[in-house]
């Protein structure tokens, strides 16, 4: 059960950024420094990838651990059931559906987790840059 009213929860959630998050800004900035071209928040592809190269059909999602359910099975029991479990389960299902749809349409998809950037920023940024440099298959 949520401790807030529906109206208050809506107000709180509306203040949480879904674009231009700290981890996204970090990746965007580092890739620009490396002269890597990309489009941000590409709306013409399913799921609006955070980074995209539409001509090569390459998409990258930069996902926060909590919001996108990293280790959700482990964390699930410590979350309030009614609101958070449902919210994150819905996010996980939506993410899988969008990645599947992109792959069916011929896109190459990479998912970058928040903890990967925090643990090994340079290694993760190299992985992203290399993924973006792929040639069409």
N, C-alpha and C. Protein backbone atom coordinates (compact mmCIF):
# COMPACT_ATOMS: atom_id res chain seq x y z
N UNK A 1 0.84 -1.19 0.00
CA UNK A 1 0.00 0.00 0.00
C UNK A 1 0.88 1.25 0.00
N UNK A 2 0.50 2.20 -0.80
CA UNK A 2 1.25 3.45 -0.89
C UNK A 2 0.89 4.33 0.31
N UNK A 3 1.89 5.01 0.85
CA UNK A 3 1.65 5.88 2.01
C UNK A 3 1.10 7.24 1.60
N UNK A 4 1.12 7.55 0.30
CA UNK A 4 0.62 8.83 -0.19
C UNK A 4 -0.71 8.66 -0.90
N UNK A 5 -1.46 9.76 -0.95
CA UNK A 5 -2.69 9.75 -1.75
C UNK A 5 -2.31 9.68 -3.22
N UNK A 6 -3.26 9.33 -4.04
CA UNK A 6 -3.00 9.23 -5.48
C UNK A 6 -2.51 10.57 -6.03
N UNK A 7 -3.13 11.66 -5.57
CA UNK A 7 -2.76 13.00 -6.03
C UNK A 7 -1.33 13.35 -5.61
N UNK A 8 -0.99 13.07 -4.35
CA UNK A 8 0.34 13.38 -3.85
C UNK A 8 1.39 12.53 -4.55
N UNK A 9 1.11 11.23 -4.76
CA UNK A 9 2.06 10.36 -5.45
C UNK A 9 2.29 10.87 -6.87
N UNK A 10 1.23 11.31 -7.54
CA UNK A 10 1.34 11.84 -8.89
C UNK A 10 2.24 13.08 -8.90
N UNK A 11 2.06 13.94 -7.91
CA UNK A 11 2.88 15.15 -7.81
C UNK A 11 4.35 14.79 -7.60
N UNK A 12 4.62 13.84 -6.73
CA UNK A 12 6.00 13.42 -6.45
C UNK A 12 6.63 12.82 -7.71
N UNK A 13 5.90 11.92 -8.37
CA UNK A 13 6.43 11.24 -9.54
C UNK A 13 6.66 12.21 -10.71
N UNK A 14 5.85 13.25 -10.80
CA UNK A 14 6.00 14.20 -11.90
C UNK A 14 7.31 14.99 -11.80
N UNK A 15 7.90 15.01 -10.63
CA UNK A 15 9.16 15.73 -10.43
C UNK A 15 10.39 14.90 -10.76
N UNK A 16 10.20 13.62 -11.00
CA UNK A 16 11.32 12.73 -11.30
C UNK A 16 11.59 12.79 -12.79
N UNK A 17 12.84 13.10 -13.13
CA UNK A 17 13.22 13.25 -14.53
C UNK A 17 13.34 11.89 -15.21
N UNK A 18 12.84 11.84 -16.43
CA UNK A 18 13.01 10.62 -17.21
C UNK A 18 13.99 10.84 -18.35
N UNK A 19 14.27 12.10 -18.64
CA UNK A 19 15.25 12.45 -19.67
C UNK A 19 16.27 13.39 -19.06
N UNK A 20 17.45 13.38 -19.67
CA UNK A 20 18.54 14.24 -19.21
C UNK A 20 18.90 13.95 -17.75
N UNK A 21 18.88 12.68 -17.38
CA UNK A 21 19.29 12.28 -16.04
C UNK A 21 20.81 12.42 -15.93
N UNK A 22 21.32 12.32 -14.73
CA UNK A 22 22.76 12.48 -14.52
C UNK A 22 23.56 11.44 -15.32
N UNK A 23 23.10 10.19 -15.33
CA UNK A 23 23.86 9.18 -16.06
C UNK A 23 23.78 9.40 -17.57
N UNK A 24 22.63 9.87 -18.06
CA UNK A 24 22.52 10.19 -19.49
C UNK A 24 23.45 11.34 -19.85
N UNK A 25 23.44 12.39 -19.06
CA UNK A 25 24.29 13.55 -19.34
C UNK A 25 25.76 13.15 -19.36
N UNK A 26 26.14 12.27 -18.45
CA UNK A 26 27.52 11.77 -18.40
C UNK A 26 27.87 11.08 -19.72
N UNK A 27 27.02 10.17 -20.17
CA UNK A 27 27.29 9.43 -21.41
C UNK A 27 27.30 10.38 -22.61
N UNK A 28 26.29 11.25 -22.71
CA UNK A 28 26.23 12.18 -23.83
C UNK A 28 27.48 13.04 -23.90
N UNK A 29 27.89 13.57 -22.77
CA UNK A 29 29.06 14.45 -22.70
C UNK A 29 30.33 13.71 -23.13
N UNK A 30 30.52 12.53 -22.59
CA UNK A 30 31.74 11.76 -22.92
C UNK A 30 31.77 11.36 -24.39
N UNK A 31 30.62 10.99 -24.94
CA UNK A 31 30.59 10.60 -26.35
C UNK A 31 30.88 11.81 -27.25
N UNK A 32 30.37 12.98 -26.89
CA UNK A 32 30.66 14.19 -27.68
C UNK A 32 32.15 14.49 -27.65
N UNK A 33 32.78 14.32 -26.48
CA UNK A 33 34.22 14.54 -26.37
C UNK A 33 35.00 13.61 -27.30
N UNK A 34 34.45 12.43 -27.54
CA UNK A 34 35.10 11.44 -28.40
C UNK A 34 34.65 11.57 -29.86
N UNK A 35 33.92 12.65 -30.15
CA UNK A 35 33.43 12.92 -31.51
C UNK A 35 32.55 11.79 -32.05
N UNK A 36 31.73 11.24 -31.18
CA UNK A 36 30.79 10.20 -31.59
C UNK A 36 29.45 10.86 -31.85
N UNK A 37 28.94 10.70 -33.07
CA UNK A 37 27.66 11.27 -33.45
C UNK A 37 26.52 10.36 -33.00
N UNK A 38 25.43 10.97 -32.51
CA UNK A 38 24.25 10.21 -32.10
C UNK A 38 23.06 11.16 -32.00
N UNK A 39 21.88 10.58 -31.94
CA UNK A 39 20.67 11.36 -31.67
C UNK A 39 20.14 10.97 -30.30
N UNK A 40 19.73 11.98 -29.55
CA UNK A 40 19.19 11.74 -28.21
C UNK A 40 17.68 11.51 -28.27
N UNK A 41 17.21 10.60 -27.43
CA UNK A 41 15.77 10.36 -27.23
C UNK A 41 15.02 10.28 -28.56
N UNK A 42 15.40 9.33 -29.35
CA UNK A 42 14.88 9.18 -30.70
C UNK A 42 13.45 8.66 -30.67
N UNK A 43 12.50 9.53 -31.00
CA UNK A 43 11.07 9.23 -30.85
C UNK A 43 10.49 8.33 -31.94
N UNK A 44 11.19 8.19 -33.04
CA UNK A 44 10.64 7.41 -34.15
C UNK A 44 10.85 5.91 -33.99
N UNK A 45 11.54 5.51 -32.95
CA UNK A 45 11.78 4.09 -32.69
C UNK A 45 11.00 3.66 -31.45
N UNK A 46 10.56 2.42 -31.40
CA UNK A 46 9.83 1.94 -30.21
C UNK A 46 10.66 2.14 -28.94
N UNK A 47 10.02 2.67 -27.92
CA UNK A 47 10.67 2.87 -26.63
C UNK A 47 11.50 4.14 -26.52
N UNK A 48 11.57 4.93 -27.59
CA UNK A 48 12.36 6.17 -27.58
C UNK A 48 13.77 5.95 -27.01
N UNK A 49 14.63 5.25 -27.73
CA UNK A 49 15.98 5.00 -27.21
C UNK A 49 16.67 6.29 -26.78
N UNK A 50 17.47 6.18 -25.71
CA UNK A 50 18.18 7.35 -25.20
C UNK A 50 19.23 7.83 -26.21
N UNK A 51 19.83 6.89 -26.92
CA UNK A 51 20.80 7.19 -27.97
C UNK A 51 20.41 6.39 -29.20
N UNK A 52 20.52 6.98 -30.36
CA UNK A 52 20.20 6.23 -31.57
C UNK A 52 21.00 6.72 -32.75
N UNK A 53 21.27 5.78 -33.64
CA UNK A 53 21.80 6.06 -34.97
C UNK A 53 20.79 5.46 -35.93
N UNK A 54 19.79 6.24 -36.32
CA UNK A 54 18.69 5.71 -37.12
C UNK A 54 19.13 5.10 -38.45
N UNK A 55 20.11 5.68 -39.12
CA UNK A 55 20.55 5.15 -40.41
C UNK A 55 21.17 3.76 -40.28
N UNK A 56 21.81 3.51 -39.15
CA UNK A 56 22.41 2.19 -38.90
C UNK A 56 21.47 1.28 -38.11
N UNK A 57 20.36 1.83 -37.67
CA UNK A 57 19.40 1.11 -36.83
C UNK A 57 20.08 0.58 -35.56
N UNK A 58 20.72 1.49 -34.85
CA UNK A 58 21.38 1.18 -33.59
C UNK A 58 20.70 1.99 -32.49
N UNK A 59 20.34 1.31 -31.40
CA UNK A 59 19.65 1.97 -30.29
C UNK A 59 20.32 1.59 -28.97
N UNK A 60 20.42 2.58 -28.08
CA UNK A 60 20.98 2.35 -26.75
C UNK A 60 20.04 2.93 -25.71
N UNK A 61 19.78 2.12 -24.69
CA UNK A 61 18.99 2.57 -23.55
C UNK A 61 19.92 2.69 -22.36
N UNK A 62 19.84 3.81 -21.65
CA UNK A 62 20.63 4.04 -20.45
C UNK A 62 19.65 3.98 -19.28
N UNK A 63 19.68 2.87 -18.56
CA UNK A 63 18.63 2.60 -17.58
C UNK A 63 19.12 2.70 -16.13
N UNK A 64 18.32 3.38 -15.32
CA UNK A 64 18.56 3.45 -13.89
C UNK A 64 18.24 2.10 -13.26
N UNK A 65 19.06 1.68 -12.32
CA UNK A 65 18.89 0.37 -11.70
C UNK A 65 17.53 0.21 -11.03
N UNK A 66 17.11 1.17 -10.24
CA UNK A 66 15.85 1.05 -9.51
C UNK A 66 14.65 1.05 -10.46
N UNK A 67 14.57 2.03 -11.33
CA UNK A 67 13.39 2.22 -12.17
C UNK A 67 13.18 1.11 -13.19
N UNK A 68 14.28 0.51 -13.64
CA UNK A 68 14.16 -0.50 -14.69
C UNK A 68 14.35 -1.92 -14.17
N UNK A 69 14.44 -2.07 -12.85
CA UNK A 69 14.36 -3.38 -12.23
C UNK A 69 15.62 -4.21 -12.22
N UNK A 70 16.80 -3.57 -12.13
CA UNK A 70 18.01 -4.35 -12.00
C UNK A 70 17.97 -5.12 -10.68
N UNK A 71 18.18 -6.42 -10.74
CA UNK A 71 18.09 -7.32 -9.57
C UNK A 71 16.74 -7.18 -8.87
N UNK A 72 15.70 -7.04 -9.64
CA UNK A 72 14.37 -6.83 -9.08
C UNK A 72 13.90 -8.02 -8.24
N UNK A 73 14.23 -9.22 -8.67
CA UNK A 73 13.79 -10.40 -7.92
C UNK A 73 14.34 -10.38 -6.50
N UNK A 74 15.55 -9.87 -6.33
CA UNK A 74 16.17 -9.78 -5.00
C UNK A 74 15.55 -8.64 -4.20
N UNK A 75 15.32 -7.51 -4.83
CA UNK A 75 14.83 -6.31 -4.15
C UNK A 75 13.32 -6.28 -3.96
N UNK A 76 12.62 -7.10 -4.71
CA UNK A 76 11.16 -7.06 -4.77
C UNK A 76 10.50 -7.13 -3.39
N UNK A 77 10.96 -8.02 -2.56
CA UNK A 77 10.32 -8.24 -1.25
C UNK A 77 10.47 -7.06 -0.29
N UNK A 78 11.48 -6.22 -0.51
CA UNK A 78 11.68 -5.08 0.39
C UNK A 78 10.88 -3.85 -0.05
N UNK A 79 10.21 -3.93 -1.20
CA UNK A 79 9.44 -2.80 -1.69
C UNK A 79 7.97 -2.93 -1.30
N UNK A 80 7.31 -1.79 -1.06
CA UNK A 80 5.87 -1.85 -0.81
C UNK A 80 5.16 -2.45 -2.02
N UNK A 81 4.35 -3.47 -1.77
CA UNK A 81 3.75 -4.25 -2.85
C UNK A 81 2.87 -3.43 -3.79
N UNK A 82 1.92 -2.73 -3.26
CA UNK A 82 0.88 -2.17 -4.09
C UNK A 82 1.41 -1.22 -5.16
N UNK A 83 2.24 -0.28 -4.77
CA UNK A 83 2.67 0.71 -5.75
C UNK A 83 3.96 0.31 -6.46
N UNK A 84 5.05 0.17 -5.72
CA UNK A 84 6.36 0.03 -6.33
C UNK A 84 6.56 -1.27 -7.08
N UNK A 85 6.09 -2.37 -6.54
CA UNK A 85 6.27 -3.64 -7.24
C UNK A 85 5.55 -3.61 -8.59
N UNK A 86 4.33 -3.11 -8.59
CA UNK A 86 3.58 -3.01 -9.83
C UNK A 86 4.22 -2.06 -10.82
N UNK A 87 4.69 -0.93 -10.32
CA UNK A 87 5.33 0.08 -11.18
C UNK A 87 6.56 -0.49 -11.87
N UNK A 88 7.42 -1.12 -11.10
CA UNK A 88 8.68 -1.63 -11.66
C UNK A 88 8.42 -2.85 -12.55
N UNK A 89 7.49 -3.71 -12.17
CA UNK A 89 7.14 -4.86 -13.03
C UNK A 89 6.63 -4.37 -14.39
N UNK A 90 5.82 -3.32 -14.37
CA UNK A 90 5.31 -2.74 -15.61
C UNK A 90 6.46 -2.17 -16.45
N UNK A 91 7.40 -1.49 -15.80
CA UNK A 91 8.56 -0.94 -16.51
C UNK A 91 9.37 -2.06 -17.18
N UNK A 92 9.59 -3.16 -16.45
CA UNK A 92 10.37 -4.28 -16.97
C UNK A 92 9.68 -4.87 -18.19
N UNK A 93 8.38 -5.08 -18.11
CA UNK A 93 7.62 -5.64 -19.24
C UNK A 93 7.66 -4.71 -20.44
N UNK A 94 7.49 -3.42 -20.21
CA UNK A 94 7.53 -2.44 -21.30
C UNK A 94 8.90 -2.42 -21.96
N UNK A 95 9.96 -2.44 -21.14
CA UNK A 95 11.33 -2.45 -21.68
C UNK A 95 11.55 -3.67 -22.57
N UNK A 96 11.15 -4.85 -22.11
CA UNK A 96 11.32 -6.08 -22.90
C UNK A 96 10.53 -5.99 -24.21
N UNK A 97 9.32 -5.51 -24.13
CA UNK A 97 8.47 -5.38 -25.32
C UNK A 97 9.11 -4.43 -26.34
N UNK A 98 9.62 -3.29 -25.86
CA UNK A 98 10.25 -2.32 -26.77
C UNK A 98 11.53 -2.86 -27.39
N UNK A 99 12.37 -3.54 -26.60
CA UNK A 99 13.60 -4.10 -27.16
C UNK A 99 13.29 -5.18 -28.19
N UNK A 100 12.29 -6.01 -27.89
CA UNK A 100 11.90 -7.06 -28.84
C UNK A 100 11.39 -6.47 -30.15
N UNK A 101 10.57 -5.45 -30.02
CA UNK A 101 10.02 -4.80 -31.22
C UNK A 101 11.15 -4.18 -32.06
N UNK A 102 12.08 -3.52 -31.41
CA UNK A 102 13.21 -2.93 -32.13
C UNK A 102 14.00 -4.01 -32.87
N UNK A 103 14.28 -5.12 -32.20
CA UNK A 103 15.04 -6.20 -32.84
C UNK A 103 14.28 -6.79 -34.02
N UNK A 104 12.98 -6.95 -33.87
CA UNK A 104 12.16 -7.46 -34.98
C UNK A 104 12.21 -6.52 -36.18
N UNK A 105 12.36 -5.22 -35.91
CA UNK A 105 12.44 -4.22 -36.98
C UNK A 105 13.86 -4.05 -37.50
N UNK A 106 14.79 -4.88 -37.02
CA UNK A 106 16.15 -4.85 -37.54
C UNK A 106 17.13 -3.97 -36.79
N UNK A 107 16.75 -3.46 -35.63
CA UNK A 107 17.64 -2.62 -34.84
C UNK A 107 18.58 -3.49 -34.01
N UNK A 108 19.78 -2.97 -33.78
CA UNK A 108 20.70 -3.55 -32.81
C UNK A 108 20.50 -2.75 -31.53
N UNK A 109 20.36 -3.45 -30.41
CA UNK A 109 20.01 -2.78 -29.16
C UNK A 109 21.03 -3.09 -28.08
N UNK A 110 21.44 -2.04 -27.37
CA UNK A 110 22.34 -2.19 -26.22
C UNK A 110 21.66 -1.54 -25.02
N UNK A 111 21.79 -2.20 -23.89
CA UNK A 111 21.26 -1.64 -22.64
C UNK A 111 22.44 -1.37 -21.72
N UNK A 112 22.52 -0.15 -21.22
CA UNK A 112 23.57 0.24 -20.29
C UNK A 112 22.91 0.52 -18.95
N UNK A 113 23.40 -0.15 -17.92
CA UNK A 113 22.84 0.03 -16.58
C UNK A 113 23.61 1.11 -15.81
N UNK A 114 22.89 1.78 -14.94
CA UNK A 114 23.46 2.82 -14.08
C UNK A 114 24.67 2.29 -13.31
N UNK A 115 24.56 1.11 -12.73
CA UNK A 115 25.66 0.57 -11.91
C UNK A 115 26.91 0.29 -12.75
N UNK A 116 26.74 -0.03 -14.04
CA UNK A 116 27.90 -0.25 -14.92
C UNK A 116 28.71 1.04 -15.06
N UNK A 117 28.00 2.15 -15.23
CA UNK A 117 28.68 3.44 -15.36
C UNK A 117 29.34 3.85 -14.06
N UNK A 118 28.69 3.56 -12.95
CA UNK A 118 29.27 3.92 -11.66
C UNK A 118 30.47 3.06 -11.32
N UNK A 119 30.41 1.78 -11.67
CA UNK A 119 31.47 0.84 -11.34
C UNK A 119 32.68 0.99 -12.25
N UNK A 120 32.41 1.14 -13.55
CA UNK A 120 33.51 1.18 -14.52
C UNK A 120 33.14 2.12 -15.66
N UNK A 121 33.22 3.41 -15.38
CA UNK A 121 32.79 4.42 -16.35
C UNK A 121 33.53 4.30 -17.68
N UNK A 122 34.83 4.24 -17.63
CA UNK A 122 35.62 4.22 -18.87
C UNK A 122 35.33 2.98 -19.70
N UNK A 123 35.28 1.83 -19.07
CA UNK A 123 35.00 0.58 -19.78
C UNK A 123 33.61 0.62 -20.43
N UNK A 124 32.63 1.13 -19.69
CA UNK A 124 31.26 1.19 -20.20
C UNK A 124 31.16 2.18 -21.35
N UNK A 125 31.83 3.31 -21.25
CA UNK A 125 31.81 4.30 -22.33
C UNK A 125 32.49 3.77 -23.59
N UNK A 126 33.56 3.00 -23.42
CA UNK A 126 34.20 2.36 -24.58
C UNK A 126 33.23 1.39 -25.25
N UNK A 127 32.52 0.63 -24.42
CA UNK A 127 31.54 -0.33 -24.95
C UNK A 127 30.46 0.39 -25.75
N UNK A 128 29.97 1.51 -25.25
CA UNK A 128 28.94 2.30 -25.94
C UNK A 128 29.49 2.85 -27.25
N UNK A 129 30.68 3.44 -27.19
CA UNK A 129 31.28 4.03 -28.40
C UNK A 129 31.51 2.97 -29.48
N UNK A 130 32.00 1.81 -29.08
CA UNK A 130 32.21 0.71 -30.05
C UNK A 130 30.89 0.22 -30.63
N UNK A 131 29.88 0.14 -29.80
CA UNK A 131 28.57 -0.31 -30.26
C UNK A 131 28.01 0.67 -31.31
N UNK A 132 28.20 1.96 -31.07
CA UNK A 132 27.72 2.98 -32.00
C UNK A 132 28.50 2.98 -33.31
N UNK A 133 29.73 2.50 -33.29
CA UNK A 133 30.56 2.50 -34.51
C UNK A 133 30.33 1.28 -35.39
N UNK A 134 29.43 0.39 -34.99
CA UNK A 134 29.18 -0.82 -35.79
C UNK A 134 28.78 -0.45 -37.22
N UNK A 135 29.14 -1.32 -38.12
CA UNK A 135 28.72 -1.15 -39.51
C UNK A 135 27.40 -1.87 -39.70
N UNK A 136 26.64 -1.46 -40.70
CA UNK A 136 25.38 -2.16 -41.02
C UNK A 136 25.68 -3.60 -41.42
N UNK A 137 24.82 -4.50 -40.99
CA UNK A 137 25.00 -5.90 -41.35
C UNK A 137 24.10 -6.28 -42.48
